């Protein structure tokens, strides 16, 4: 079944875009032009020539205040370098600030582009980061419920704490990212609300991913998002035919200028905005 994907602007917070005031203005413009979503990269460093890096959570808070309808979120946050209890508080507060518009993009992260983990003493073993991610997602689900959280795992302990206030949404949607073609991220994503395959070659590969995810899900009829990055101006129709529900317009991080970003934004999404 062909779907009409929603369109989102996907922003690296580098150099001229490291200022949350700039990001808030971009989010407001995106909403005016007709984009459906506004998602931000989550990094603490990046390879040269990038020099300045903004914080996604502060920038998302600024964007939430500046907009009324855009779906917002980090895309994606490397959960293993976040404390689960802090993330529980931040996500609930951000969802409240946005009036129930937060989508949480999660993944393992890696050191390929900026050496974030090795440079800061974080866990570099991807298998252990995967364990930390899974534990954190369990903790978040419990915390968002408003009921006492009792968790004793290999990596984290939360001893009978209640996290109030809860998010506006009964449950914040979680999109799980992973490199296209790898099965473990798809298995993880199938337990949640969406999958973001990084590095998809074309719509044909996306169709194969869509079929695999369908088979992995406990309830294939339940709502589920398949999210794909696309180049500015790309035709979204083939991806919609392949099962995509969201297309994220991708911007090259190196040499990024505010003028270029604003130009792509003002051209508008490749598909009509949704009500």
Protein backbone atom coordinates (compact mmCIF):
# COMPACT_ATOMS: atom_id res chain seq x y z
CA UNK A 1 0.00 0.00 0.00
CA UNK A 2 1.38 3.39 -1.04
CA UNK A 3 1.57 5.99 1.70
CA UNK A 4 2.07 9.72 1.45
CA UNK A 5 5.11 10.37 3.64
CA UNK A 6 5.30 13.32 5.95
CA UNK A 7 8.26 15.61 5.44
CA UNK A 8 10.73 16.82 8.03
CA UNK A 9 13.73 19.12 8.06
CA UNK A 10 16.79 17.38 9.54
CA UNK A 11 19.37 19.81 10.86
CA UNK A 12 23.03 19.33 11.92
CA UNK A 13 23.75 21.85 14.70
CA UNK A 14 27.14 22.90 13.36
CA UNK A 15 28.87 26.27 13.03
CA UNK A 16 26.26 28.89 12.03
CA UNK A 17 23.52 26.50 13.23
CA UNK A 18 25.02 26.03 16.69
CA UNK A 19 23.03 28.99 18.05
CA UNK A 20 19.65 27.88 19.51
CA UNK A 21 18.13 31.26 18.62
CA UNK A 22 18.94 30.60 14.96
CA UNK A 23 17.46 27.11 15.23
CA UNK A 24 14.25 28.46 16.77
CA UNK A 25 13.83 30.90 13.88
CA UNK A 26 14.42 28.10 11.38
CA UNK A 27 11.81 25.94 13.10
CA UNK A 28 9.26 28.76 12.93
CA UNK A 29 10.01 29.26 9.22
CA UNK A 30 9.71 25.51 8.60
CA UNK A 31 6.27 25.49 10.17
CA UNK A 32 5.17 28.48 8.07
CA UNK A 33 6.39 26.87 4.85
CA UNK A 34 4.57 23.61 5.54
CA UNK A 35 7.07 21.09 6.87
CA UNK A 36 5.60 18.43 9.16
CA UNK A 37 8.63 17.86 11.39
CA UNK A 38 11.90 19.39 12.56
CA UNK A 39 14.60 17.05 13.83
CA UNK A 40 18.09 17.82 15.13
CA UNK A 41 21.36 15.92 15.14
CA UNK A 42 22.79 15.05 18.57
CA UNK A 43 26.59 15.33 18.71
CA UNK A 44 29.16 16.87 21.01
CA UNK A 45 31.88 17.10 18.37
CA UNK A 46 32.47 16.54 14.66
CA UNK A 47 35.42 16.22 12.34
CA UNK A 48 37.05 19.29 10.78
CA UNK A 49 36.22 21.66 9.21
CA UNK A 50 33.30 21.82 11.67
CA UNK A 51 34.29 23.96 14.67
CA UNK A 52 31.11 24.86 16.58
CA UNK A 53 28.54 22.31 17.79
CA UNK A 54 25.18 23.18 19.35
CA UNK A 55 23.24 21.32 22.02
CA UNK A 56 20.11 19.62 20.60
CA UNK A 57 18.09 19.67 23.82
CA UNK A 58 18.43 23.41 24.37
CA UNK A 59 17.77 23.97 20.67
CA UNK A 60 14.70 21.71 20.72
CA UNK A 61 13.33 23.61 23.70
CA UNK A 62 13.77 26.87 21.79
CA UNK A 63 12.12 25.34 18.71
CA UNK A 64 9.21 24.02 20.80
CA UNK A 65 8.44 27.50 22.11
CA UNK A 66 8.70 29.00 18.61
CA UNK A 67 6.26 26.55 16.96
CA UNK A 68 2.79 25.09 17.40
CA UNK A 69 2.43 22.05 15.13
CA UNK A 70 5.82 20.69 14.06
CA UNK A 71 6.80 17.26 15.39
CA UNK A 72 10.17 17.69 17.08
CA UNK A 73 12.96 15.54 18.38
CA UNK A 74 16.60 14.51 18.42
CA UNK A 75 17.46 12.36 15.45
CA UNK A 76 19.17 10.51 16.84
CA UNK A 77 20.43 10.66 20.40
CA UNK A 78 23.16 8.12 21.27
CA UNK A 79 21.51 6.83 24.41
CA UNK A 80 24.58 5.11 25.90
CA UNK A 81 26.16 8.47 26.73
CA UNK A 82 23.03 9.70 28.53
CA UNK A 83 21.92 8.95 32.09
CA UNK A 84 18.48 7.29 31.85
CA UNK A 85 17.00 9.28 34.74
CA UNK A 86 18.17 12.57 33.24
CA UNK A 87 16.79 11.55 29.86
CA UNK A 88 13.46 10.66 31.47
CA UNK A 89 13.19 14.15 32.99
CA UNK A 90 14.30 15.90 29.80
CA UNK A 91 11.92 14.04 27.50
CA UNK A 92 8.92 14.59 29.77
CA UNK A 93 9.72 18.29 30.14
CA UNK A 94 10.30 18.75 26.41
CA UNK A 95 7.06 16.97 25.54
CA UNK A 96 5.22 19.24 27.95
CA UNK A 97 6.87 22.33 26.49
CA UNK A 98 5.93 21.20 22.98
CA UNK A 99 2.38 20.26 23.91
CA UNK A 100 2.84 16.58 23.05
CA UNK A 101 4.95 16.88 19.88
CA UNK A 102 8.13 15.03 20.86
CA UNK A 103 9.44 12.02 18.97
CA UNK A 104 12.54 10.43 20.49
CA UNK A 105 15.07 9.15 17.99
CA UNK A 106 17.53 6.71 19.56
CA UNK A 107 20.57 4.74 18.46
CA UNK A 108 23.97 3.41 19.43
CA UNK A 109 26.04 6.27 18.03
CA UNK A 110 29.60 5.71 16.78
CA UNK A 111 33.05 7.27 16.68
CA UNK A 112 33.42 7.44 12.91
CA UNK A 113 32.97 11.18 12.45
CA UNK A 114 34.12 12.83 15.64
CA UNK A 115 35.52 10.27 18.05
CA UNK A 116 32.92 11.28 20.63
CA UNK A 117 33.13 8.14 22.72
CA UNK A 118 36.87 7.54 22.79
CA UNK A 119 37.59 11.24 23.40
CA UNK A 120 35.33 11.44 26.43
CA UNK A 121 35.90 8.06 28.07
CA UNK A 122 32.49 6.73 27.08
CA UNK A 123 31.79 3.10 26.25
CA UNK A 124 33.33 2.21 22.87
CA UNK A 125 32.08 -1.39 22.65
CA UNK A 126 28.98 -1.34 20.45
CA UNK A 127 27.54 -4.48 22.04
CA UNK A 128 27.68 -2.93 25.48
CA UNK A 129 26.18 0.31 24.16
CA UNK A 130 23.34 -1.80 22.76
CA UNK A 131 22.74 -3.28 26.23
CA UNK A 132 22.74 0.22 27.71
CA UNK A 133 20.28 1.39 25.07
CA UNK A 134 17.88 -1.46 25.78
CA UNK A 135 18.02 -0.89 29.54
CA UNK A 136 17.42 2.82 29.11
CA UNK A 137 14.38 2.22 26.91
CA UNK A 138 12.92 0.00 29.64
CA UNK A 139 13.52 2.70 32.22
CA UNK A 140 11.98 5.41 30.03
CA UNK A 141 8.81 3.39 29.48
CA UNK A 142 8.43 2.94 33.23
CA UNK A 143 9.26 6.56 34.02
CA UNK A 144 6.78 7.94 31.49
CA UNK A 145 3.99 5.88 33.07
CA UNK A 146 4.14 7.93 36.27
CA UNK A 147 4.43 4.75 38.32
CA UNK A 148 7.39 3.96 40.59
CA UNK A 149 10.43 2.75 38.65
CA UNK A 150 12.21 -0.27 40.07
CA UNK A 151 15.07 -1.29 37.82
CA UNK A 152 18.21 -3.24 38.61
CA UNK A 153 20.13 -4.09 35.49
CA UNK A 154 23.68 -4.70 34.41
CA UNK A 155 24.33 -1.02 33.76
CA UNK A 156 21.72 1.02 35.64
CA UNK A 157 19.83 1.09 38.93
CA UNK A 158 16.68 3.07 39.62
CA UNK A 159 15.42 2.28 43.10
CA UNK A 160 11.72 3.02 43.55
CA UNK A 161 11.65 6.51 42.03
CA UNK A 162 8.58 8.16 40.52
CA UNK A 163 9.02 10.61 37.63
CA UNK A 164 6.40 13.33 37.63
CA UNK A 165 5.16 15.17 35.69
CA UNK A 166 4.71 12.69 32.88
CA UNK A 167 4.81 13.57 29.16
CA UNK A 168 1.68 15.01 27.56
CA UNK A 169 1.55 12.03 25.21
CA UNK A 170 0.56 8.77 26.89
CA UNK A 171 3.82 7.47 25.50
CA UNK A 172 6.46 9.40 23.59
CA UNK A 173 7.01 7.73 20.18
CA UNK A 174 10.43 6.11 19.85
CA UNK A 175 12.17 5.76 16.49
CA UNK A 176 15.14 3.41 16.51
CA UNK A 177 18.00 4.11 14.11
CA UNK A 178 20.44 1.63 12.67
CA UNK A 179 22.50 1.10 9.56
CA UNK A 180 20.38 -0.28 6.74
CA UNK A 181 20.71 -4.02 6.33
CA UNK A 182 21.59 -4.80 9.94
CA UNK A 183 19.05 -7.04 11.62
CA UNK A 184 19.52 -6.20 15.30
CA UNK A 185 18.39 -2.55 14.97
CA UNK A 186 15.34 -3.74 13.04
CA UNK A 187 14.48 -6.22 15.78
CA UNK A 188 14.81 -3.45 18.36
CA UNK A 189 12.77 -1.02 16.28
CA UNK A 190 9.99 -3.57 15.80
CA UNK A 191 9.28 -3.34 19.54
CA UNK A 192 8.74 0.40 19.37
CA UNK A 193 7.18 3.02 17.09
CA UNK A 194 9.46 3.49 14.12
CA UNK A 195 12.66 2.59 12.30
CA UNK A 196 15.19 4.95 10.75
CA UNK A 197 17.52 2.96 8.46
CA UNK A 198 20.68 5.00 7.96
CA UNK A 199 22.35 4.79 4.56
CA UNK A 200 19.42 3.45 2.54
CA UNK A 201 20.55 3.11 -1.08
CA UNK A 202 17.20 3.41 -2.83
CA UNK A 203 13.48 2.74 -2.64
CA UNK A 204 14.00 -0.90 -3.57
CA UNK A 205 16.13 -1.50 -0.48
CA UNK A 206 13.59 0.39 1.63
CA UNK A 207 10.83 -1.92 0.38
CA UNK A 208 12.87 -4.93 1.54
CA UNK A 209 13.34 -3.28 4.94
CA UNK A 210 9.61 -2.57 5.15
CA UNK A 211 8.83 -6.24 4.55
CA UNK A 212 11.35 -7.40 7.16
CA UNK A 213 10.04 -4.98 9.79
CA UNK A 214 6.49 -6.08 9.04
CA UNK A 215 7.43 -9.70 9.75
CA UNK A 216 9.28 -8.80 12.97
CA UNK A 217 6.50 -6.81 14.60
CA UNK A 218 4.19 -8.45 17.10
CA UNK A 219 1.21 -6.51 15.69
CA UNK A 220 1.87 -5.55 12.07
CA UNK A 221 -1.44 -3.66 11.94
CA UNK A 222 -0.44 -1.22 14.71
CA UNK A 223 0.81 2.24 13.65
CA UNK A 224 4.51 2.25 12.82
CA UNK A 225 6.78 4.78 11.14
CA UNK A 226 9.40 3.96 8.54
CA UNK A 227 11.67 6.98 8.25
CA UNK A 228 14.07 7.61 5.38
CA UNK A 229 16.65 10.36 4.76
CA UNK A 230 16.40 12.02 1.34
CA UNK A 231 18.38 14.65 -0.50
CA UNK A 232 16.89 18.15 -0.91
CA UNK A 233 14.44 18.22 -3.77
CA UNK A 234 14.24 14.43 -4.02
CA UNK A 235 11.04 12.80 -5.25
CA UNK A 236 9.42 11.23 -2.19
CA UNK A 237 6.88 9.19 -4.18
CA UNK A 238 9.07 6.07 -4.67
CA UNK A 239 9.83 5.98 -0.95
CA UNK A 240 6.17 6.32 -0.11
CA UNK A 241 5.42 3.42 -2.44
CA UNK A 242 8.11 1.42 -0.60
CA UNK A 243 6.44 2.03 2.76
CA UNK A 244 8.05 5.22 4.08
CA UNK A 245 5.86 7.31 6.38
CA UNK A 246 8.40 10.12 6.89
CA UNK A 247 11.08 11.62 4.64
CA UNK A 248 13.83 13.62 6.37
CA UNK A 249 15.59 16.12 4.14
CA UNK A 250 19.30 15.55 4.65
CA UNK A 251 21.89 18.33 4.73
CA UNK A 252 25.63 17.77 4.31
CA UNK A 253 27.31 18.81 7.58
CA UNK A 254 30.61 20.07 6.19
CA UNK A 255 30.65 23.64 4.94
CA UNK A 256 27.05 24.17 5.97
CA UNK A 257 25.89 27.79 5.84
CA UNK A 258 22.76 29.36 7.22
CA UNK A 259 21.91 30.85 3.82
CA UNK A 260 22.02 27.42 2.18
CA UNK A 261 19.92 25.83 4.91
CA UNK A 262 17.35 28.58 4.75
CA UNK A 263 17.21 28.26 0.97
CA UNK A 264 16.45 24.53 1.16
CA UNK A 265 13.90 25.14 3.89
CA UNK A 266 12.09 27.84 1.94
CA UNK A 267 11.82 25.63 -1.13
CA UNK A 268 9.44 23.63 1.03
CA UNK A 269 8.84 19.93 1.35
CA UNK A 270 8.72 17.79 -1.73
CA UNK A 271 5.26 16.56 -0.70
CA UNK A 272 2.18 18.45 0.50
CA UNK A 273 1.93 19.27 4.20
CA UNK A 274 -0.53 17.28 6.31
CA UNK A 275 -3.37 18.73 8.33
